[in-house]
Amino acid sequence: MLSFQKILCPIDFSDPSYRALATADELARRYNAELHVLHVVPPVPLVELPPGSGSAAFDVKRYETELLDSYRKTLDNALGEYVKPGITLTRHLELGDPAHEIVVLAEKIHADVIVIATHGRTGLKRFLFGSVAEAVVRRSPCAVLTIPMHEHK
């Protein structure tokens, strides 16, 4: 019999990822499972300055900290809007490559399933899957439930 104890749902604040979150919420309720919601912030690309140009005035670590704080608030707002009270919910916010961080967290929490939208915010559309979803499907340590970009009627 199919049973889930830990469900991981990565979101990027796009409409398709909110549909995935609604599905993950429904599964968590149906199976009395823990729901782990993850948002991954890509790191700030480092730019090397030419020799002799002086030190950079841009503080990358400070910027990343402020960026994470901003995304933490956005994540909390999304969870308040799309996840109903009454389940065990854990929020995760990571800095890094989205596909890699999703797989790492799935391994760390021993997820039974990852619920992910097939396309997100990247705008880079693949034939069947978004690039992040495709990479997660290929590398996942557990089952992956993909939620299509558009609702079927």
N, C-alpha and C. Protein backbone atom coordinates (compact mmCIF):
# COMPACT_ATOMS: atom_id res chain seq x y z
N MET A 1 0.83 -1.18 0.00
CA MET A 1 0.00 0.00 0.00
C MET A 1 0.88 1.25 0.00
N LEU A 2 0.49 2.23 -0.78
CA LEU A 2 1.23 3.48 -0.88
C LEU A 2 1.09 4.28 0.40
N SER A 3 2.22 4.73 0.93
CA SER A 3 2.19 5.52 2.15
C SER A 3 3.37 6.49 2.16
N PHE A 4 3.11 7.69 2.60
CA PHE A 4 4.16 8.70 2.68
C PHE A 4 4.26 9.20 4.11
N GLN A 5 5.49 9.31 4.61
CA GLN A 5 5.70 9.88 5.94
C GLN A 5 6.33 11.27 5.84
N LYS A 6 7.18 11.46 4.82
CA LYS A 6 7.85 12.75 4.63
C LYS A 6 7.75 13.17 3.17
N ILE A 7 7.17 14.34 2.98
CA ILE A 7 6.96 14.88 1.64
C ILE A 7 7.78 16.15 1.50
N LEU A 8 8.52 16.25 0.41
CA LEU A 8 9.32 17.44 0.13
C LEU A 8 8.72 18.16 -1.07
N CYS A 9 8.47 19.44 -0.92
CA CYS A 9 7.92 20.24 -2.02
C CYS A 9 8.77 21.49 -2.22
N PRO A 10 9.61 21.50 -3.26
CA PRO A 10 10.36 22.72 -3.57
C PRO A 10 9.46 23.72 -4.30
N ILE A 11 9.56 24.99 -3.93
CA ILE A 11 8.77 26.01 -4.63
C ILE A 11 9.68 27.17 -5.05
N ASP A 12 9.27 27.83 -6.12
CA ASP A 12 10.01 29.01 -6.60
C ASP A 12 9.10 30.24 -6.70
N PHE A 13 7.94 30.16 -6.06
CA PHE A 13 6.95 31.24 -6.00
C PHE A 13 6.26 31.48 -7.34
N SER A 14 6.29 30.51 -8.22
CA SER A 14 5.55 30.59 -9.48
C SER A 14 4.20 29.91 -9.28
N ASP A 15 3.24 30.20 -10.17
CA ASP A 15 1.93 29.55 -10.08
C ASP A 15 2.03 28.03 -10.15
N PRO A 16 2.85 27.47 -11.08
CA PRO A 16 2.97 26.00 -11.10
C PRO A 16 3.50 25.44 -9.78
N SER A 17 4.45 26.13 -9.15
CA SER A 17 4.97 25.60 -7.88
C SER A 17 3.93 25.70 -6.77
N TYR A 18 3.03 26.69 -6.84
CA TYR A 18 1.95 26.76 -5.86
C TYR A 18 0.95 25.63 -6.07
N ARG A 19 0.74 25.20 -7.32
CA ARG A 19 -0.12 24.03 -7.56
C ARG A 19 0.54 22.78 -6.98
N ALA A 20 1.86 22.67 -7.12
CA ALA A 20 2.57 21.54 -6.53
C ALA A 20 2.44 21.58 -5.01
N LEU A 21 2.53 22.77 -4.43
CA LEU A 21 2.40 22.91 -2.98
C LEU A 21 1.01 22.51 -2.50
N ALA A 22 -0.02 22.88 -3.24
CA ALA A 22 -1.39 22.47 -2.87
C ALA A 22 -1.52 20.95 -2.92
N THR A 23 -0.91 20.32 -3.92
CA THR A 23 -0.93 18.86 -4.02
C THR A 23 -0.18 18.23 -2.86
N ALA A 24 0.99 18.77 -2.53
CA ALA A 24 1.79 18.25 -1.41
C ALA A 24 1.03 18.40 -0.10
N ASP A 25 0.35 19.52 0.08
CA ASP A 25 -0.46 19.75 1.28
C ASP A 25 -1.57 18.70 1.38
N GLU A 26 -2.23 18.44 0.27
CA GLU A 26 -3.30 17.43 0.24
C GLU A 26 -2.76 16.04 0.58
N LEU A 27 -1.61 15.68 0.01
CA LEU A 27 -1.00 14.38 0.31
C LEU A 27 -0.61 14.29 1.79
N ALA A 28 -0.04 15.36 2.32
CA ALA A 28 0.37 15.36 3.73
C ALA A 28 -0.83 15.13 4.64
N ARG A 29 -1.96 15.72 4.31
CA ARG A 29 -3.17 15.52 5.10
C ARG A 29 -3.71 14.10 4.96
N ARG A 30 -3.72 13.62 3.73
CA ARG A 30 -4.26 12.28 3.47
C ARG A 30 -3.45 11.20 4.19
N TYR A 31 -2.13 11.35 4.21
CA TYR A 31 -1.27 10.32 4.80
C TYR A 31 -0.74 10.69 6.18
N ASN A 32 -1.22 11.82 6.74
CA ASN A 32 -0.72 12.31 8.02
C ASN A 32 0.81 12.38 8.00
N ALA A 33 1.33 12.95 6.94
CA ALA A 33 2.78 13.02 6.72
C ALA A 33 3.32 14.40 7.07
N GLU A 34 4.63 14.44 7.29
CA GLU A 34 5.32 15.72 7.47
C GLU A 34 5.48 16.36 6.09
N LEU A 35 5.28 17.67 6.03
CA LEU A 35 5.50 18.40 4.79
C LEU A 35 6.70 19.32 4.96
N HIS A 36 7.70 19.14 4.10
CA HIS A 36 8.89 19.98 4.08
C HIS A 36 8.83 20.82 2.81
N VAL A 37 8.84 22.14 2.98
CA VAL A 37 8.78 23.04 1.83
C VAL A 37 10.12 23.75 1.72
N LEU A 38 10.68 23.73 0.52
CA LEU A 38 12.02 24.26 0.27
C LEU A 38 11.99 25.34 -0.81
N HIS A 39 12.69 26.43 -0.55
CA HIS A 39 12.98 27.40 -1.60
C HIS A 39 14.49 27.54 -1.66
N VAL A 40 15.03 27.50 -2.87
CA VAL A 40 16.48 27.62 -3.07
C VAL A 40 16.77 28.94 -3.78
N VAL A 41 17.64 29.72 -3.19
CA VAL A 41 18.08 30.98 -3.77
C VAL A 41 19.41 30.74 -4.47
N PRO A 42 19.48 30.98 -5.77
CA PRO A 42 20.77 30.81 -6.46
C PRO A 42 21.80 31.78 -5.89
N PRO A 43 23.06 31.35 -5.77
CA PRO A 43 24.08 32.24 -5.20
C PRO A 43 24.37 33.42 -6.13
N VAL A 44 24.88 34.47 -5.53
CA VAL A 44 25.28 35.65 -6.30
C VAL A 44 26.54 35.29 -7.08
N PRO A 45 26.54 35.47 -8.40
CA PRO A 45 27.74 35.14 -9.17
C PRO A 45 28.88 36.09 -8.79
N LEU A 46 30.05 35.52 -8.62
CA LEU A 46 31.21 36.33 -8.28
C LEU A 46 31.87 36.84 -9.55
N VAL A 47 32.21 38.10 -9.53
CA VAL A 47 32.86 38.72 -10.68
C VAL A 47 34.26 39.12 -10.25
N GLU A 48 35.24 38.70 -11.00
CA GLU A 48 36.62 39.05 -10.68
C GLU A 48 36.93 40.43 -11.24
N LEU A 49 37.50 41.28 -10.38
CA LEU A 49 37.87 42.62 -10.81
C LEU A 49 39.25 42.60 -11.45
N PRO A 50 39.49 43.46 -12.41
CA PRO A 50 40.82 43.52 -13.02
C PRO A 50 41.86 43.94 -11.99
N PRO A 51 43.09 43.46 -12.14
CA PRO A 51 44.15 43.85 -11.20
C PRO A 51 44.30 45.37 -11.15
N GLY A 52 44.49 45.89 -9.94
CA GLY A 52 44.71 47.32 -9.77
C GLY A 52 43.45 48.16 -9.75
N SER A 53 42.28 47.53 -9.79
CA SER A 53 41.04 48.30 -9.82
C SER A 53 40.53 48.64 -8.43
N GLY A 54 41.24 48.24 -7.40
CA GLY A 54 40.81 48.54 -6.04
C GLY A 54 39.88 47.47 -5.51
N SER A 55 39.42 47.65 -4.30
CA SER A 55 38.54 46.65 -3.70
C SER A 55 37.10 46.93 -4.08
N ALA A 56 36.34 45.90 -4.09
CA ALA A 56 34.93 46.04 -4.44
C ALA A 56 34.16 46.61 -3.25
N ALA A 57 33.22 47.49 -3.53
CA ALA A 57 32.39 48.06 -2.47
C ALA A 57 31.20 47.16 -2.17
N PHE A 58 31.01 46.15 -2.97
CA PHE A 58 29.86 45.26 -2.84
C PHE A 58 30.19 44.13 -1.88
N ASP A 59 29.42 44.01 -0.82
CA ASP A 59 29.63 42.96 0.19
C ASP A 59 28.69 41.79 -0.14
N VAL A 60 29.24 40.74 -0.76
CA VAL A 60 28.44 39.61 -1.22
C VAL A 60 27.75 38.91 -0.06
N LYS A 61 28.47 38.65 1.01
CA LYS A 61 27.87 37.93 2.15
C LYS A 61 26.70 38.71 2.75
N ARG A 62 26.88 40.01 2.89
CA ARG A 62 25.80 40.84 3.43
C ARG A 62 24.60 40.81 2.49
N TYR A 63 24.86 40.92 1.20
CA TYR A 63 23.79 40.88 0.22
C TYR A 63 23.05 39.54 0.28
N GLU A 64 23.79 38.43 0.36
CA GLU A 64 23.16 37.12 0.43
C GLU A 64 22.32 36.98 1.69
N THR A 65 22.81 37.51 2.82
CA THR A 65 22.04 37.47 4.07
C THR A 65 20.74 38.25 3.94
N GLU A 66 20.82 39.44 3.36
CA GLU A 66 19.61 40.25 3.16
C GLU A 66 18.65 39.58 2.18
N LEU A 67 19.22 38.97 1.15
CA LEU A 67 18.41 38.26 0.16
C LEU A 67 17.67 37.09 0.81
N LEU A 68 18.38 36.31 1.63
CA LEU A 68 17.76 35.18 2.32
C LEU A 68 16.67 35.66 3.28
N ASP A 69 16.91 36.77 3.98
CA ASP A 69 15.88 37.32 4.88
C ASP A 69 14.63 37.69 4.10
N SER A 70 14.82 38.30 2.95
CA SER A 70 13.69 38.70 2.10
C SER A 70 12.91 37.47 1.61
N TYR A 71 13.64 36.45 1.15
CA TYR A 71 12.98 35.24 0.67
C TYR A 71 12.32 34.47 1.81
N ARG A 72 12.88 34.55 3.01
CA ARG A 72 12.27 33.89 4.17
C ARG A 72 10.87 34.46 4.42
N LYS A 73 10.74 35.77 4.31
CA LYS A 73 9.43 36.42 4.49
C LYS A 73 8.47 36.00 3.38
N THR A 74 8.98 35.97 2.15
CA THR A 74 8.14 35.55 1.02
C THR A 74 7.69 34.11 1.19
N LEU A 75 8.60 33.25 1.65
CA LEU A 75 8.27 31.85 1.89
C LEU A 75 7.21 31.72 2.98
N ASP A 76 7.39 32.45 4.07
CA ASP A 76 6.40 32.41 5.15
C ASP A 76 5.02 32.86 4.67
N ASN A 77 4.99 33.91 3.86
CA ASN A 77 3.71 34.39 3.31
C ASN A 77 3.06 33.33 2.42
N ALA A 78 3.86 32.68 1.58
CA ALA A 78 3.33 31.64 0.68
C ALA A 78 2.78 30.47 1.49
N LEU A 79 3.50 30.07 2.53
CA LEU A 79 3.04 28.95 3.36
C LEU A 79 1.74 29.32 4.07
N GLY A 80 1.65 30.55 4.54
CA GLY A 80 0.43 31.00 5.20
C GLY A 80 -0.77 31.00 4.26
N GLU A 81 -0.51 31.25 2.99
CA GLU A 81 -1.59 31.32 2.01
C GLU A 81 -1.97 29.96 1.43
N TYR A 82 -0.99 29.08 1.22
CA TYR A 82 -1.25 27.84 0.48
C TYR A 82 -1.27 26.57 1.32
N VAL A 83 -0.82 26.63 2.58
CA VAL A 83 -0.82 25.44 3.43
C VAL A 83 -1.77 25.68 4.59
N LYS A 84 -2.75 24.79 4.72
CA LYS A 84 -3.73 24.93 5.79
C LYS A 84 -3.12 24.44 7.10
N PRO A 85 -3.55 25.01 8.23
CA PRO A 85 -3.06 24.55 9.53
C PRO A 85 -3.45 23.09 9.78
N GLY A 86 -2.70 22.44 10.66
CA GLY A 86 -3.09 21.10 11.07
C GLY A 86 -2.15 19.99 10.62
N ILE A 87 -1.05 20.35 9.95
CA ILE A 87 -0.06 19.34 9.58
C ILE A 87 1.30 19.76 10.13
N THR A 88 2.21 18.80 10.18
CA THR A 88 3.57 19.11 10.58
C THR A 88 4.28 19.71 9.37
N LEU A 89 4.68 20.97 9.50
CA LEU A 89 5.26 21.71 8.39
C LEU A 89 6.63 22.24 8.78
N THR A 90 7.61 22.00 7.92
CA THR A 90 8.95 22.53 8.14
C THR A 90 9.36 23.31 6.91
N ARG A 91 9.83 24.51 7.13
CA ARG A 91 10.28 25.36 6.02
C ARG A 91 11.80 25.27 5.92
N HIS A 92 12.29 25.25 4.69
CA HIS A 92 13.73 25.20 4.42
C HIS A 92 14.06 26.27 3.40
N LEU A 93 15.15 26.99 3.64
CA LEU A 93 15.62 28.01 2.71
C LEU A 93 17.11 27.79 2.54
N GLU A 94 17.53 27.55 1.31
CA GLU A 94 18.94 27.25 1.04
C GLU A 94 19.47 28.18 -0.04
N LEU A 95 20.77 28.33 -0.05
CA LEU A 95 21.47 29.09 -1.08
C LEU A 95 22.28 28.10 -1.90
N GLY A 96 22.05 28.04 -3.20
CA GLY A 96 22.81 27.10 -4.02
C GLY A 96 22.09 26.77 -5.32
N ASP A 97 22.53 25.70 -5.94
CA ASP A 97 21.91 25.21 -7.17
C ASP A 97 20.61 24.50 -6.80
N PRO A 98 19.48 24.92 -7.37
CA PRO A 98 18.19 24.35 -6.95
C PRO A 98 18.11 22.83 -7.03
N ALA A 99 18.45 22.23 -8.15
CA ALA A 99 18.33 20.77 -8.29
C ALA A 99 19.20 20.06 -7.26
N HIS A 100 20.42 20.52 -7.09
CA HIS A 100 21.33 19.90 -6.13
C HIS A 100 20.78 20.00 -4.71
N GLU A 101 20.32 21.19 -4.32
CA GLU A 101 19.82 21.39 -2.96
C GLU A 101 18.56 20.58 -2.69
N ILE A 102 17.72 20.41 -3.70
CA ILE A 102 16.50 19.59 -3.54
C ILE A 102 16.88 18.15 -3.25
N VAL A 103 17.80 17.61 -4.03
CA VAL A 103 18.23 16.21 -3.85
C VAL A 103 18.93 16.04 -2.51
N VAL A 104 19.79 16.98 -2.13
CA VAL A 104 20.49 16.90 -0.85
C VAL A 104 19.50 16.89 0.32
N LEU A 105 18.50 17.77 0.27
CA LEU A 105 17.51 17.81 1.35
C LEU A 105 16.66 16.54 1.37
N ALA A 106 16.30 16.03 0.21
CA ALA A 106 15.52 14.78 0.15
C ALA A 106 16.29 13.65 0.84
N GLU A 107 17.60 13.58 0.60
CA GLU A 107 18.42 12.57 1.26
C GLU A 107 18.50 12.82 2.76
N LYS A 108 18.71 14.07 3.13
CA LYS A 108 18.89 14.42 4.54
C LYS A 108 17.65 14.10 5.38
N ILE A 109 16.47 14.41 4.86
CA ILE A 109 15.25 14.19 5.65
C ILE A 109 14.63 12.81 5.40
N HIS A 110 15.23 12.03 4.50
CA HIS A 110 14.70 10.73 4.11
C HIS A 110 13.29 10.86 3.54
N ALA A 111 13.15 11.78 2.58
CA ALA A 111 11.84 12.02 1.96
C ALA A 111 11.35 10.76 1.26
N ASP A 112 10.05 10.55 1.32
CA ASP A 112 9.42 9.44 0.60
C ASP A 112 9.02 9.86 -0.81
N VAL A 113 8.75 11.15 -0.98
CA VAL A 113 8.35 11.66 -2.30
C VAL A 113 8.70 13.15 -2.38
N ILE A 114 9.06 13.56 -3.58
CA ILE A 114 9.25 14.98 -3.89
C ILE A 114 8.10 15.37 -4.82
N VAL A 115 7.38 16.42 -4.46
CA VAL A 115 6.29 16.93 -5.30
C VAL A 115 6.80 18.23 -5.91
N ILE A 116 6.96 18.24 -7.24
CA ILE A 116 7.61 19.37 -7.90
C ILE A 116 6.87 19.74 -9.18
N ALA A 117 6.80 21.03 -9.45
CA ALA A 117 6.21 21.52 -10.70
C ALA A 117 7.16 21.21 -11.85
N THR A 118 6.58 20.89 -13.00
CA THR A 118 7.44 20.58 -14.15
C THR A 118 8.13 21.82 -14.70
N HIS A 119 7.56 22.97 -14.51
CA HIS A 119 8.17 24.22 -14.97
C HIS A 119 8.01 25.26 -13.88
N GLY A 120 8.99 26.13 -13.79
CA GLY A 120 8.92 27.19 -12.79
C GLY A 120 9.21 28.54 -13.39
N ARG A 121 9.99 29.30 -12.68
CA ARG A 121 10.22 30.70 -13.05
C ARG A 121 11.34 30.90 -14.05
N THR A 122 12.11 29.90 -14.36
CA THR A 122 13.31 30.10 -15.15
C THR A 122 13.04 30.65 -16.53
N GLY A 123 11.89 30.34 -17.07
CA GLY A 123 11.60 30.80 -18.42
C GLY A 123 12.28 29.94 -19.48
N LEU A 124 13.18 29.09 -19.07
CA LEU A 124 13.85 28.18 -20.01
C LEU A 124 13.02 26.92 -20.08
N LYS A 125 12.21 26.79 -21.10
CA LYS A 125 11.29 25.65 -21.19
C LYS A 125 11.95 24.50 -21.94
N ARG A 126 11.88 23.35 -21.34
CA ARG A 126 12.36 22.15 -21.99
C ARG A 126 11.16 21.50 -22.67
N PHE A 127 11.38 20.50 -23.47
CA PHE A 127 10.30 19.87 -24.22
C PHE A 127 9.24 19.30 -23.29
N LEU A 128 9.64 18.52 -22.30
CA LEU A 128 8.66 17.93 -21.38
C LEU A 128 8.76 18.48 -19.97
N PHE A 129 9.96 18.72 -19.50
CA PHE A 129 10.18 19.13 -18.13
C PHE A 129 10.99 20.41 -18.09
N GLY A 130 10.85 21.14 -17.00
CA GLY A 130 11.78 22.23 -16.73
C GLY A 130 13.13 21.62 -16.38
N SER A 131 14.18 22.38 -16.51
CA SER A 131 15.52 21.85 -16.28
C SER A 131 15.72 21.39 -14.83
N VAL A 132 15.17 22.11 -13.85
CA VAL A 132 15.31 21.71 -12.45
C VAL A 132 14.55 20.41 -12.20
N ALA A 133 13.30 20.35 -12.65
CA ALA A 133 12.50 19.13 -12.45
C ALA A 133 13.17 17.93 -13.10
N GLU A 134 13.68 18.12 -14.30
CA GLU A 134 14.35 17.01 -14.99
C GLU A 134 15.56 16.53 -14.21
N ALA A 135 16.38 17.45 -13.72
CA ALA A 135 17.57 17.06 -12.95
C ALA A 135 17.18 16.35 -11.66
N VAL A 136 16.11 16.80 -11.01
CA VAL A 136 15.66 16.16 -9.77
C VAL A 136 15.17 14.74 -10.07
N VAL A 137 14.39 14.57 -11.12
CA VAL A 137 13.90 13.23 -11.49
C VAL A 137 15.08 12.29 -11.72
N ARG A 138 16.11 12.77 -12.39
CA ARG A 138 17.27 11.92 -12.70
C ARG A 138 18.09 11.55 -11.46
N ARG A 139 18.16 12.44 -10.47
CA ARG A 139 19.07 12.23 -9.34
C ARG A 139 18.39 11.92 -8.02
N SER A 140 17.08 11.93 -7.98
CA SER A 140 16.35 11.80 -6.72
C SER A 140 16.56 10.45 -6.04
N PRO A 141 16.69 10.46 -4.70
CA PRO A 141 16.79 9.21 -3.96
C PRO A 141 15.41 8.60 -3.66
N CYS A 142 14.33 9.28 -4.08
CA CYS A 142 12.98 8.81 -3.76
C CYS A 142 12.06 9.06 -4.96
N ALA A 143 10.81 8.70 -4.80
CA ALA A 143 9.82 8.93 -5.86
C ALA A 143 9.65 10.43 -6.09
N VAL A 144 9.32 10.78 -7.33
CA VAL A 144 9.08 12.18 -7.68
C VAL A 144 7.72 12.27 -8.36
N LEU A 145 6.86 13.10 -7.80
CA LEU A 145 5.56 13.37 -8.40
C LEU A 145 5.65 14.73 -9.09
N THR A 146 5.53 14.73 -10.41
CA THR A 146 5.63 15.98 -11.16
C THR A 146 4.24 16.53 -11.43
N ILE A 147 4.09 17.82 -11.20
CA ILE A 147 2.82 18.51 -11.40
C ILE A 147 2.95 19.33 -12.68
N PRO A 148 2.07 19.11 -13.67
CA PRO A 148 2.21 19.80 -14.95
C PRO A 148 2.04 21.31 -14.83
N MET A 149 2.59 21.98 -15.81
CA MET A 149 2.58 23.44 -15.83
C MET A 149 1.16 24.01 -15.83
N HIS A 150 0.27 23.38 -16.55
CA HIS A 150 -1.11 23.86 -16.63
C HIS A 150 -2.05 22.81 -16.05
N GLU A 151 -3.11 23.26 -15.43
CA GLU A 151 -4.11 22.34 -14.90
C GLU A 151 -4.84 21.68 -16.06
N HIS A 152 -5.14 20.40 -15.90
CA HIS A 152 -5.94 19.69 -16.91
C HIS A 152 -7.40 19.83 -16.53
N LYS A 153 -8.22 20.08 -17.53
CA LYS A 153 -9.66 20.27 -17.26
C LYS A 153 -10.46 19.11 -17.76
